[in-house]
PDB file of N, CA and C in Angstrom:
ATOM      1  N   MET A   1     -27.323  -2.060  -0.842  1.00  0.00           N
ATOM      2  CA  MET A   1     -27.093  -3.157  -1.494  1.00  0.00           C
ATOM      3  C   MET A   1     -27.124  -3.147  -3.061  1.00  0.00           C
ATOM      4  N   ILE A   2     -26.208  -3.665  -3.939  1.00  0.00           N
ATOM      5  CA  ILE A   2     -26.526  -3.749  -5.253  1.00  0.00           C
ATOM      6  C   ILE A   2     -26.099  -5.254  -5.837  1.00  0.00           C
ATOM      7  N   THR A   3     -26.805  -5.791  -6.950  1.00  0.00           N
ATOM      8  CA  THR A   3     -27.536  -6.630  -7.769  1.00  0.00           C
ATOM      9  C   THR A   3     -26.441  -6.651  -9.090  1.00  0.00           C
ATOM     10  N   GLU A   4     -25.576  -7.314  -9.555  1.00  0.00           N
ATOM     11  CA  GLU A   4     -25.025  -7.268 -10.340  1.00  0.00           C
ATOM     12  C   GLU A   4     -25.528  -8.414 -11.320  1.00  0.00           C
ATOM     13  N   ILE A   5     -25.896  -8.508 -12.326  1.00  0.00           N
ATOM     14  CA  ILE A   5     -26.183  -9.851 -13.375  1.00  0.00           C
ATOM     15  C   ILE A   5     -25.203  -9.547 -14.594  1.00  0.00           C
ATOM     16  N   ILE A   6     -24.793 -10.680 -14.437  1.00  0.00           N
ATOM     17  CA  ILE A   6     -23.952 -10.984 -15.724  1.00  0.00           C
ATOM     18  C   ILE A   6     -24.204 -12.027 -16.519  1.00  0.00           C
ATOM     19  N   GLU A   7     -24.425 -11.764 -17.627  1.00  0.00           N
ATOM     20  CA  GLU A   7     -25.368 -12.536 -18.698  1.00  0.00           C
ATOM     21  C   GLU A   7     -24.347 -13.078 -19.683  1.00  0.00           C
ATOM     22  N   PHE A   8     -24.057 -14.201 -20.022  1.00  0.00           N
ATOM     23  CA  PHE A   8     -22.674 -14.832 -20.747  1.00  0.00           C
ATOM     24  C   PHE A   8     -22.773 -16.485 -21.504  1.00  0.00           C
ATOM     25  N   LYS A   9     -22.131 -16.784 -22.875  1.00  0.00           N
ATOM     26  CA  LYS A   9     -22.069 -17.727 -23.528  1.00  0.00           C
ATOM     27  C   LYS A   9     -21.029 -18.200 -22.799  1.00  0.00           C
ATOM     28  N   LEU A  10     -20.734 -19.608 -23.156  1.00  0.00           N
ATOM     29  CA  LEU A  10     -19.514 -19.809 -23.177  1.00  0.00           C
ATOM     30  C   LEU A  10     -18.927 -20.545 -24.490  1.00  0.00           C
ATOM     31  N   LYS A  11     -17.673 -20.681 -24.586  1.00  0.00           N
ATOM     32  CA  LYS A  11     -17.468 -20.976 -25.967  1.00  0.00           C
ATOM     33  C   LYS A  11     -17.258 -22.220 -26.248  1.00  0.00           C
ATOM     34  N   GLU A  12     -17.512 -22.502 -27.335  1.00  0.00           N
ATOM     35  CA  GLU A  12     -17.581 -23.351 -28.164  1.00  0.00           C
ATOM     36  C   GLU A  12     -17.006 -25.192 -27.120  1.00  0.00           C
ATOM     37  N   ASN A  13     -17.495 -26.236 -27.419  1.00  0.00           N
ATOM     38  CA  ASN A  13     -16.890 -27.319 -26.301  1.00  0.00           C
ATOM     39  C   ASN A  13     -15.920 -27.015 -25.270  1.00  0.00           C
ATOM     40  N   ILE A  14     -17.126 -26.170 -24.574  1.00  0.00           N
ATOM     41  CA  ILE A  14     -16.510 -26.235 -23.018  1.00  0.00           C
ATOM     42  C   ILE A  14     -17.416 -27.280 -22.445  1.00  0.00           C
ATOM     43  N   ASN A  15     -17.054 -28.207 -21.616  1.00  0.00           N
ATOM     44  CA  ASN A  15     -17.422 -28.810 -20.799  1.00  0.00           C
ATOM     45  C   ASN A  15     -18.218 -28.352 -19.659  1.00  0.00           C
ATOM     46  N   GLU A  16     -19.309 -28.647 -19.180  1.00  0.00           N
ATOM     47  CA  GLU A  16     -20.057 -27.808 -18.241  1.00  0.00           C
ATOM     48  C   GLU A  16     -19.727 -27.755 -16.515  1.00  0.00           C
ATOM     49  N   GLU A  17     -19.337 -29.157 -16.493  1.00  0.00           N
ATOM     50  CA  GLU A  17     -18.513 -29.673 -15.439  1.00  0.00           C
ATOM     51  C   GLU A  17     -17.123 -28.951 -15.137  1.00  0.00           C
ATOM     52  N   ASN A  18     -16.124 -28.911 -16.191  1.00  0.00           N
ATOM     53  CA  ASN A  18     -15.171 -28.265 -16.056  1.00  0.00           C
ATOM     54  C   ASN A  18     -15.248 -26.814 -15.591  1.00  0.00           C
ATOM     55  N   PHE A  19     -16.336 -26.418 -16.597  1.00  0.00           N
ATOM     56  CA  PHE A  19     -16.855 -24.638 -16.286  1.00  0.00           C
ATOM     57  C   PHE A  19     -16.839 -24.531 -14.486  1.00  0.00           C
ATOM     58  N   LEU A  20     -18.004 -25.383 -14.377  1.00  0.00           N
ATOM     59  CA  LEU A  20     -18.400 -25.297 -12.820  1.00  0.00           C
ATOM     60  C   LEU A  20     -17.018 -25.533 -11.945  1.00  0.00           C
ATOM     61  N   THR A  21     -16.145 -25.967 -12.193  1.00  0.00           N
ATOM     62  CA  THR A  21     -15.082 -26.006 -11.391  1.00  0.00           C
ATOM     63  C   THR A  21     -14.422 -24.953 -11.163  1.00  0.00           C
ATOM     64  N   GLU A  22     -14.021 -23.992 -12.627  1.00  0.00           N
ATOM     65  CA  GLU A  22     -13.579 -23.214 -12.670  1.00  0.00           C
ATOM     66  C   GLU A  22     -14.614 -22.059 -12.230  1.00  0.00           C
ATOM     67  N   ALA A  23     -15.834 -22.256 -12.242  1.00  0.00           N
ATOM     68  CA  ALA A  23     -16.685 -21.600 -11.361  1.00  0.00           C
ATOM     69  C   ALA A  23     -16.370 -21.186 -10.145  1.00  0.00           C
ATOM     70  N   LYS A  24     -16.326 -22.241  -9.348  1.00  0.00           N
ATOM     71  CA  LYS A  24     -15.836 -22.166  -8.126  1.00  0.00           C
ATOM     72  C   LYS A  24     -14.744 -21.407  -7.510  1.00  0.00           C
ATOM     73  N   ILE A  25     -13.583 -21.869  -8.155  1.00  0.00           N
ATOM     74  CA  ILE A  25     -12.571 -21.004  -8.166  1.00  0.00           C
ATOM     75  C   ILE A  25     -13.034 -19.536  -8.276  1.00  0.00           C
ATOM     76  N   PHE A  26     -13.310 -19.082  -9.439  1.00  0.00           N
ATOM     77  CA  PHE A  26     -13.782 -17.851  -9.401  1.00  0.00           C
ATOM     78  C   PHE A  26     -14.280 -17.282  -8.135  1.00  0.00           C
ATOM     79  N   ALA A  27     -15.022 -17.771  -7.846  1.00  0.00           N
ATOM     80  CA  ALA A  27     -16.119 -16.988  -6.663  1.00  0.00           C
ATOM     81  C   ALA A  27     -15.502 -17.209  -5.208  1.00  0.00           C
ATOM     82  N   GLU A  28     -14.551 -18.282  -5.445  1.00  0.00           N
ATOM     83  CA  GLU A  28     -13.615 -18.036  -3.913  1.00  0.00           C
ATOM     84  C   GLU A  28     -12.520 -17.336  -3.966  1.00  0.00           C
ATOM     85  N   TYR A  29     -12.188 -16.812  -5.195  1.00  0.00           N
ATOM     86  CA  TYR A  29     -11.386 -15.700  -5.435  1.00  0.00           C
ATOM     87  C   TYR A  29     -11.923 -14.184  -5.573  1.00  0.00           C
ATOM     88  N   PHE A  30     -13.051 -14.232  -5.296  1.00  0.00           N
ATOM     89  CA  PHE A  30     -14.196 -12.777  -5.284  1.00  0.00           C
ATOM     90  C   PHE A  30     -14.356 -12.702  -3.748  1.00  0.00           C
ATOM     91  N   LYS A  31     -14.290 -14.102  -2.913  1.00  0.00           N
ATOM     92  CA  LYS A  31     -14.741 -13.937  -1.666  1.00  0.00           C
ATOM     93  C   LYS A  31     -13.074 -13.371  -0.616  1.00  0.00           C
ATOM     94  N   ALA A  32     -11.919 -13.928  -1.318  1.00  0.00           N
ATOM     95  CA  ALA A  32     -11.002 -13.594  -0.858  1.00  0.00           C
ATOM     96  C   ALA A  32     -10.256 -12.549  -0.991  1.00  0.00           C
ATOM     97  N   THR A  33     -10.833 -11.855  -2.326  1.00  0.00           N
ATOM     98  CA  THR A  33     -10.112 -10.335  -2.954  1.00  0.00           C
ATOM     99  C   THR A  33     -10.852  -9.442  -2.347  1.00  0.00           C
ATOM    100  N   PHE A  34     -12.229  -9.228  -2.483  1.00  0.00           N
ATOM    101  CA  PHE A  34     -12.875  -8.031  -2.938  1.00  0.00           C
ATOM    102  C   PHE A  34     -13.887  -7.269  -1.432  1.00  0.00           C
ATOM    103  N   LYS A  35     -13.381  -6.447  -0.863  1.00  0.00           N
ATOM    104  CA  LYS A  35     -14.129  -5.937   0.119  1.00  0.00           C
ATOM    105  C   LYS A  35     -15.833  -5.662  -0.797  1.00  0.00           C
ATOM    106  N   GLY A  36     -16.643  -6.045   0.302  1.00  0.00           N
ATOM    107  CA  GLY A  36     -18.096  -5.618  -0.124  1.00  0.00           C
ATOM    108  C   GLY A  36     -18.952  -6.842  -0.708  1.00  0.00           C
ATOM    109  N   PHE A  37     -18.135  -7.484  -1.269  1.00  0.00           N
ATOM    110  CA  PHE A  37     -18.371  -8.827  -1.892  1.00  0.00           C
ATOM    111  C   PHE A  37     -19.472  -9.858  -0.854  1.00  0.00           C
ATOM    112  N   VAL A  38     -20.842  -9.757  -1.430  1.00  0.00           N
ATOM    113  CA  VAL A  38     -21.442 -11.075  -0.656  1.00  0.00           C
ATOM    114  C   VAL A  38     -21.763 -12.217  -0.973  1.00  0.00           C
ATOM    115  N   ASP A  39     -22.300 -12.154  -1.999  1.00  0.00           N
ATOM    116  CA  ASP A  39     -22.247 -13.616  -2.576  1.00  0.00           C
ATOM    117  C   ASP A  39     -22.046 -13.668  -4.210  1.00  0.00           C
ATOM    118  N   MET A  40     -22.215 -14.723  -4.750  1.00  0.00           N
ATOM    119  CA  MET A  40     -22.481 -15.239  -6.309  1.00  0.00           C
ATOM    120  C   MET A  40     -23.151 -16.528  -6.355  1.00  0.00           C
ATOM    121  N   GLU A  41     -24.564 -16.502  -7.740  1.00  0.00           N
ATOM    122  CA  GLU A  41     -24.933 -17.748  -8.167  1.00  0.00           C
ATOM    123  C   GLU A  41     -24.136 -17.876  -9.509  1.00  0.00           C
ATOM    124  N   PHE A  42     -24.287 -18.928  -9.886  1.00  0.00           N
ATOM    125  CA  PHE A  42     -24.312 -18.904 -11.265  1.00  0.00           C
ATOM    126  C   PHE A  42     -25.538 -20.216 -12.112  1.00  0.00           C
ATOM    127  N   THR A  43     -26.790 -19.608 -12.805  1.00  0.00           N
ATOM    128  CA  THR A  43     -27.564 -20.406 -13.023  1.00  0.00           C
ATOM    129  C   THR A  43     -27.496 -20.411 -15.001  1.00  0.00           C
ATOM    130  N   LYS A  44     -27.940 -21.595 -15.322  1.00  0.00           N
ATOM    131  CA  LYS A  44     -28.182 -21.515 -16.642  1.00  0.00           C
ATOM    132  C   LYS A  44     -29.456 -21.428 -17.204  1.00  0.00           C
ATOM    133  N   GLY A  45     -29.862 -20.903 -17.918  1.00  0.00           N
ATOM    134  CA  GLY A  45     -31.020 -20.874 -19.158  1.00  0.00           C
ATOM    135  C   GLY A  45     -30.809 -21.651 -20.251  1.00  0.00           C
ATOM    136  N   GLU A  46     -31.746 -21.768 -20.982  1.00  0.00           N
ATOM    137  CA  GLU A  46     -31.699 -22.525 -22.342  1.00  0.00           C
ATOM    138  C   GLU A  46     -30.646 -21.898 -23.281  1.00  0.00           C
ATOM    139  N   ASP A  47     -30.165 -20.897 -23.126  1.00  0.00           N
ATOM    140  CA  ASP A  47     -29.323 -20.899 -24.107  1.00  0.00           C
ATOM    141  C   ASP A  47     -28.107 -19.712 -23.555  1.00  0.00           C
ATOM    142  N   LYS A  48     -28.125 -19.660 -22.398  1.00  0.00           N
ATOM    143  CA  LYS A  48     -26.831 -18.311 -21.771  1.00  0.00           C
ATOM    144  C   LYS A  48     -26.572 -19.027 -20.109  1.00  0.00           C
ATOM    145  N   TRP A  49     -25.968 -18.598 -19.861  1.00  0.00           N
ATOM    146  CA  TRP A  49     -25.720 -18.333 -18.363  1.00  0.00           C
ATOM    147  C   TRP A  49     -25.511 -17.225 -17.583  1.00  0.00           C
ATOM    148  N   VAL A  50     -26.475 -17.239 -16.610  1.00  0.00           N
ATOM    149  CA  VAL A  50     -25.952 -15.981 -15.753  1.00  0.00           C
ATOM    150  C   VAL A  50     -25.403 -15.879 -14.176  1.00  0.00           C
ATOM    151  N   SER A  51     -24.520 -15.346 -14.051  1.00  0.00           N
ATOM    152  CA  SER A  51     -24.019 -15.079 -12.619  1.00  0.00           C
ATOM    153  C   SER A  51     -24.934 -13.544 -11.953  1.00  0.00           C
ATOM    154  N   ILE A  52     -24.954 -14.033 -10.820  1.00  0.00           N
ATOM    155  CA  ILE A  52     -25.851 -13.116  -9.486  1.00  0.00           C
ATOM    156  C   ILE A  52     -25.180 -13.019  -8.939  1.00  0.00           C
ATOM    157  N   LEU A  53     -24.612 -11.775  -8.658  1.00  0.00           N
ATOM    158  CA  LEU A  53     -23.615 -11.139  -7.316  1.00  0.00           C
ATOM    159  C   LEU A  53     -24.203  -9.867  -6.472  1.00  0.00           C
ATOM    160  N   HIS A  54     -24.005 -10.242  -5.406  1.00  0.00           N
ATOM    161  CA  HIS A  54     -24.564  -9.230  -4.676  1.00  0.00           C
ATOM    162  C   HIS A  54     -23.115  -8.456  -4.104  1.00  0.00           C
ATOM    163  N   TRP A  55     -23.241  -6.993  -4.080  1.00  0.00           N
ATOM    164  CA  TRP A  55     -22.067  -6.161  -3.081  1.00  0.00           C
ATOM    165  C   TRP A  55     -22.723  -5.203  -2.319  1.00  0.00           C
ATOM    166  N   ASP A  56     -22.093  -4.917  -1.718  1.00  0.00           N
ATOM    167  CA  ASP A  56     -22.694  -3.821  -0.388  1.00  0.00           C
ATOM    168  C   ASP A  56     -22.900  -2.385  -1.044  1.00  0.00           C
ATOM    169  N   SER A  57     -21.969  -2.207  -1.689  1.00  0.00           N
ATOM    170  CA  SER A  57     -22.216  -0.899  -2.265  1.00  0.00           C
ATOM    171  C   SER A  57     -21.442  -0.657  -4.134  1.00  0.00           C
ATOM    172  N   MET A  58     -21.673   0.142  -4.636  1.00  0.00           N
ATOM    173  CA  MET A  58     -21.207   0.214  -6.053  1.00  0.00           C
ATOM    174  C   MET A  58     -20.047   0.703  -6.216  1.00  0.00           C
ATOM    175  N   VAL A  59     -19.505   1.519  -5.407  1.00  0.00           N
ATOM    176  CA  VAL A  59     -18.047   1.705  -4.862  1.00  0.00           C
ATOM    177  C   VAL A  59     -17.461   0.251  -4.819  1.00  0.00           C
ATOM    178  N   ASP A  60     -17.862  -0.209  -3.992  1.00  0.00           N
ATOM    179  CA  ASP A  60     -16.979  -2.198  -4.457  1.00  0.00           C
ATOM    180  C   ASP A  60     -16.976  -2.653  -5.700  1.00  0.00           C
ATOM    181  N   VAL A  61     -18.394  -2.597  -6.595  1.00  0.00           N
ATOM    182  CA  VAL A  61     -18.053  -3.011  -7.423  1.00  0.00           C
ATOM    183  C   VAL A  61     -17.421  -2.579  -8.506  1.00  0.00           C
ATOM    184  N   LEU A  62     -17.101  -0.921  -7.944  1.00  0.00           N
ATOM    185  CA  LEU A  62     -16.063  -0.349  -9.381  1.00  0.00           C
ATOM    186  C   LEU A  62     -15.001  -0.781  -8.851  1.00  0.00           C
ATOM    187  N   ALA A  63     -14.146  -0.832  -7.493  1.00  0.00           N
ATOM    188  CA  ALA A  63     -12.889  -1.634  -7.246  1.00  0.00           C
ATOM    189  C   ALA A  63     -12.733  -2.699  -7.665  1.00  0.00           C
ATOM    190  N   CYS A  64     -13.516  -3.981  -7.945  1.00  0.00           N
ATOM    191  CA  CYS A  64     -13.788  -4.900  -8.357  1.00  0.00           C
ATOM    192  C   CYS A  64     -13.079  -4.741  -9.871  1.00  0.00           C
ATOM    193  N   GLY A  65     -14.033  -4.011 -10.443  1.00  0.00           N
ATOM    194  CA  GLY A  65     -13.862  -3.791 -11.901  1.00  0.00           C
ATOM    195  C   GLY A  65     -12.467  -3.567 -12.307  1.00  0.00           C
ATOM    196  N   GLU A  66     -11.602  -2.979 -11.185  1.00  0.00           N
ATOM    197  CA  GLU A  66     -10.337  -2.220 -11.943  1.00  0.00           C
ATOM    198  C   GLU A  66      -9.413  -3.386 -11.859  1.00  0.00           C
ATOM    199  N   VAL A  67      -9.302  -4.101 -10.817  1.00  0.00           N
ATOM    200  CA  VAL A  67      -9.094  -5.704 -10.681  1.00  0.00           C
ATOM    201  C   VAL A  67      -8.901  -6.516 -11.944  1.00  0.00           C
ATOM    202  N   LEU A  68      -9.970  -6.635 -12.257  1.00  0.00           N
ATOM    203  CA  LEU A  68     -10.362  -7.335 -13.015  1.00  0.00           C
ATOM    204  C   LEU A  68     -10.153  -7.151 -14.184  1.00  0.00           C
ATOM    205  N   ARG A  69     -10.005  -5.983 -14.863  1.00  0.00           N
ATOM    206  CA  ARG A  69      -9.561  -5.429 -16.322  1.00  0.00           C
ATOM    207  C   ARG A  69      -8.057  -5.815 -16.258  1.00  0.00           C
ATOM    208  N   THR A  70      -7.124  -6.455 -15.049  1.00  0.00           N
ATOM    209  CA  THR A  70      -5.474  -6.726 -15.049  1.00  0.00           C
ATOM    210  C   THR A  70      -5.681  -7.866 -15.230  1.00  0.00           C
ATOM    211  N   ASN A  71      -6.679  -8.537 -15.633  1.00  0.00           N
ATOM    212  CA  ASN A  71      -6.516 -10.162 -16.418  1.00  0.00           C
ATOM    213  C   ASN A  71      -6.178 -10.880 -15.202  1.00  0.00           C
ATOM    214  N   PRO A  72      -6.370 -10.732 -13.850  1.00  0.00           N
ATOM    215  CA  PRO A  72      -5.641 -12.082 -12.365  1.00  0.00           C
ATOM    216  C   PRO A  72      -5.508 -13.218 -13.143  1.00  0.00           C
ATOM    217  N   GLN A  73      -4.151 -13.819 -12.949  1.00  0.00           N
ATOM    218  CA  GLN A  73      -4.124 -15.260 -13.760  1.00  0.00           C
ATOM    219  C   GLN A  73      -4.628 -16.070 -12.558  1.00  0.00           C
ATOM    220  N   GLU A  74      -4.905 -15.907 -11.285  1.00  0.00           N
ATOM    221  CA  GLU A  74      -5.884 -16.861 -10.726  1.00  0.00           C
ATOM    222  C   GLU A  74      -7.671 -17.104 -11.140  1.00  0.00           C
ATOM    223  N   ILE A  75      -7.994 -16.044 -11.924  1.00  0.00           N
ATOM    224  CA  ILE A  75      -9.272 -16.741 -13.150  1.00  0.00           C
ATOM    225  C   ILE A  75      -8.792 -16.707 -14.289  1.00  0.00           C
ATOM    226  N   ALA A  76      -7.625 -16.937 -14.660  1.00  0.00           N
ATOM    227  CA  ALA A  76      -7.385 -16.885 -16.156  1.00  0.00           C
ATOM    228  C   ALA A  76      -7.925 -18.058 -16.762  1.00  0.00           C
ATOM    229  N   GLU A  77      -8.465 -18.849 -15.852  1.00  0.00           N
ATOM    230  CA  GLU A  77      -9.154 -19.979 -16.857  1.00  0.00           C
ATOM    231  C   GLU A  77     -10.789 -19.830 -16.591  1.00  0.00           C
ATOM    232  N   TYR A  78     -10.915 -19.551 -16.278  1.00  0.00           N
ATOM    233  CA  TYR A  78     -12.457 -19.242 -15.932  1.00  0.00           C
ATOM    234  C   TYR A  78     -12.887 -18.277 -17.342  1.00  0.00           C
ATOM    235  N   ALA A  79     -12.069 -17.330 -17.421  1.00  0.00           N
ATOM    236  CA  ALA A  79     -12.416 -16.281 -18.024  1.00  0.00           C
ATOM    237  C   ALA A  79     -11.871 -16.668 -19.551  1.00  0.00           C
ATOM    238  N   ALA A  80     -11.348 -17.706 -19.833  1.00  0.00           N
ATOM    239  CA  ALA A  80     -10.753 -18.167 -21.252  1.00  0.00           C
ATOM    240  C   ALA A  80     -12.023 -19.001 -21.470  1.00  0.00           C
ATOM    241  N   MET A  81     -12.868 -19.767 -20.748  1.00  0.00           N
ATOM    242  CA  MET A  81     -14.049 -20.793 -21.262  1.00  0.00           C
ATOM    243  C   MET A  81     -15.180 -19.515 -21.371  1.00  0.00           C
ATOM    244  N   THR A  82     -15.609 -17.909 -21.022  1.00  0.00           N
ATOM    245  CA  THR A  82     -16.466 -17.448 -21.024  1.00  0.00           C
ATOM    246  C   THR A  82     -15.963 -16.940 -22.533  1.00  0.00           C
ATOM    247  N   ASP A  83     -17.640 -16.121 -23.487  1.00  0.00           N
ATOM    248  CA  ASP A  83     -17.115 -15.577 -24.669  1.00  0.00           C
ATOM    249  C   ASP A  83     -17.646 -14.089 -24.365  1.00  0.00           C
ATOM    250  N   ARG A  84     -16.507 -13.201 -24.398  1.00  0.00           N
ATOM    251  CA  ARG A  84     -16.313 -12.092 -23.796  1.00  0.00           C
ATOM    252  C   ARG A  84     -17.907 -11.352 -24.887  1.00  0.00           C
ATOM    253  N   PRO A  85     -17.473 -11.437 -26.053  1.00  0.00           N
ATOM    254  CA  PRO A  85     -18.131 -10.843 -26.515  1.00  0.00           C
ATOM    255  C   PRO A  85     -20.225 -11.241 -26.222  1.00  0.00           C
ATOM    256  N   SER A  86     -20.335 -12.050 -25.604  1.00  0.00           N
ATOM    257  CA  SER A  86     -21.944 -12.214 -25.450  1.00  0.00           C
ATOM    258  C   SER A  86     -22.143 -11.794 -24.306  1.00  0.00           C
ATOM    259  N   THR A  87     -21.190 -11.217 -23.662  1.00  0.00           N
ATOM    260  CA  THR A  87     -20.929 -10.809 -22.357  1.00  0.00           C
ATOM    261  C   THR A  87     -22.168  -9.245 -21.964  1.00  0.00           C
ATOM    262  N   LYS A  88     -23.031  -9.609 -21.083  1.00  0.00           N
ATOM    263  CA  LYS A  88     -23.937  -8.490 -20.600  1.00  0.00           C
ATOM    264  C   LYS A  88     -24.045  -7.891 -19.093  1.00  0.00           C
ATOM    265  N   LEU A  89     -23.805  -7.116 -18.707  1.00  0.00           N
ATOM    266  CA  LEU A  89     -24.061  -6.540 -17.125  1.00  0.00           C
ATOM    267  C   LEU A  89     -25.154  -5.741 -17.186  1.00  0.00           C
ATOM    268  N   THR A  90     -25.244  -5.979 -15.947  1.00  0.00           N
ATOM    269  CA  THR A  90     -26.857  -5.429 -15.156  1.00  0.00           C
ATOM    270  C   THR A  90     -26.393  -4.953 -13.882  1.00  0.00           C
ATOM    271  N   PHE A  91     -26.259  -3.538 -13.711  1.00  0.00           N
ATOM    272  CA  PHE A  91     -26.347  -3.064 -12.215  1.00  0.00           C
ATOM    273  C   PHE A  91     -27.675  -2.592 -11.543  1.00  0.00           C
ATOM    274  N   LEU A  92     -27.906  -3.394 -10.605  1.00  0.00           N
ATOM    275  CA  LEU A  92     -29.100  -2.874  -9.683  1.00  0.00           C
ATOM    276  C   LEU A  92     -29.301  -2.426  -8.355  1.00  0.00           C
ATOM    277  N   GLU A  93     -29.671  -1.312  -7.984  1.00  0.00           N
ATOM    278  CA  GLU A  93     -29.831  -0.675  -6.405  1.00  0.00           C
ATOM    279  C   GLU A  93     -31.138  -1.687  -5.990  1.00  0.00           C
ATOM    280  N   GLN A  94     -31.153  -2.639  -4.752  1.00  0.00           N
ATOM    281  CA  GLN A  94     -32.250  -3.138  -4.061  1.00  0.00           C
ATOM    282  C   GLN A  94     -32.707  -1.962  -3.415  1.00  0.00           C
ATOM    283  N   LYS A  95     -34.208  -2.744  -3.382  1.00  0.00           N
ATOM    284  CA  LYS A  95     -34.761  -1.118  -3.137  1.00  0.00           C
ATOM    285  C   LYS A  95     -35.856  -1.966  -1.921  1.00  0.00           C
ATOM    286  N   LEU A  96     -36.216  -3.196  -2.230  1.00  0.00           N
ATOM    287  CA  LEU A  96     -36.748  -4.074  -0.530  1.00  0.00           C
ATOM    288  C   LEU A  96     -36.742  -5.699  -1.314  1.00  0.00           C
ATOM    289  N   ILE A  97     -36.661  -6.078  -0.049  1.00  0.00           N
ATOM    290  CA  ILE A  97     -35.666  -7.726  -0.203  1.00  0.00           C
ATOM    291  C   ILE A  97     -36.839  -8.287   0.805  1.00  0.00           C
ATOM    292  N   GLU A  98     -37.447  -9.348   0.726  1.00  0.00           N
ATOM    293  CA  GLU A  98     -38.258 -10.127   1.187  1.00  0.00           C
ATOM    294  C   GLU A  98     -37.902 -11.491   1.434  1.00  0.00           C
ATOM    295  N   LYS A  99     -37.735 -11.856   2.369  1.00  0.00           N
ATOM    296  CA  LYS A  99     -37.286 -13.663   2.706  1.00  0.00           C
ATOM    297  C   LYS A  99     -38.214 -14.399   3.358  1.00  0.00           C
ATOM    298  N   LYS A 100     -38.234 -15.823   3.422  1.00  0.00           N
ATOM    299  CA  LYS A 100     -39.377 -16.435   4.012  1.00  0.00           C
ATOM    300  C   LYS A 100     -38.971 -16.665   5.413  1.00  0.00           C
TER     301      LYS A 100
END
């Protein structure tokens, strides 16, 4: 299992409610489009947002990246709201999971 962490900021004057509406569309696109996609959550810190995604494998992550580089129209509104230069990606391989 791969955990993908995406840290980013929104562009200035982006309404949070509108962003979360587009984030839902973004997540639905991932569910419908990408093999190996498990789940996604959006979290907000003091000065940035963090999306946490889980994937079955790094192969699935790389395949997703290839599609996203084509700038799919289905998620164009979401992409237009994020400040791309502020984006930082981290990929981690899960080694141990404990659940309640």
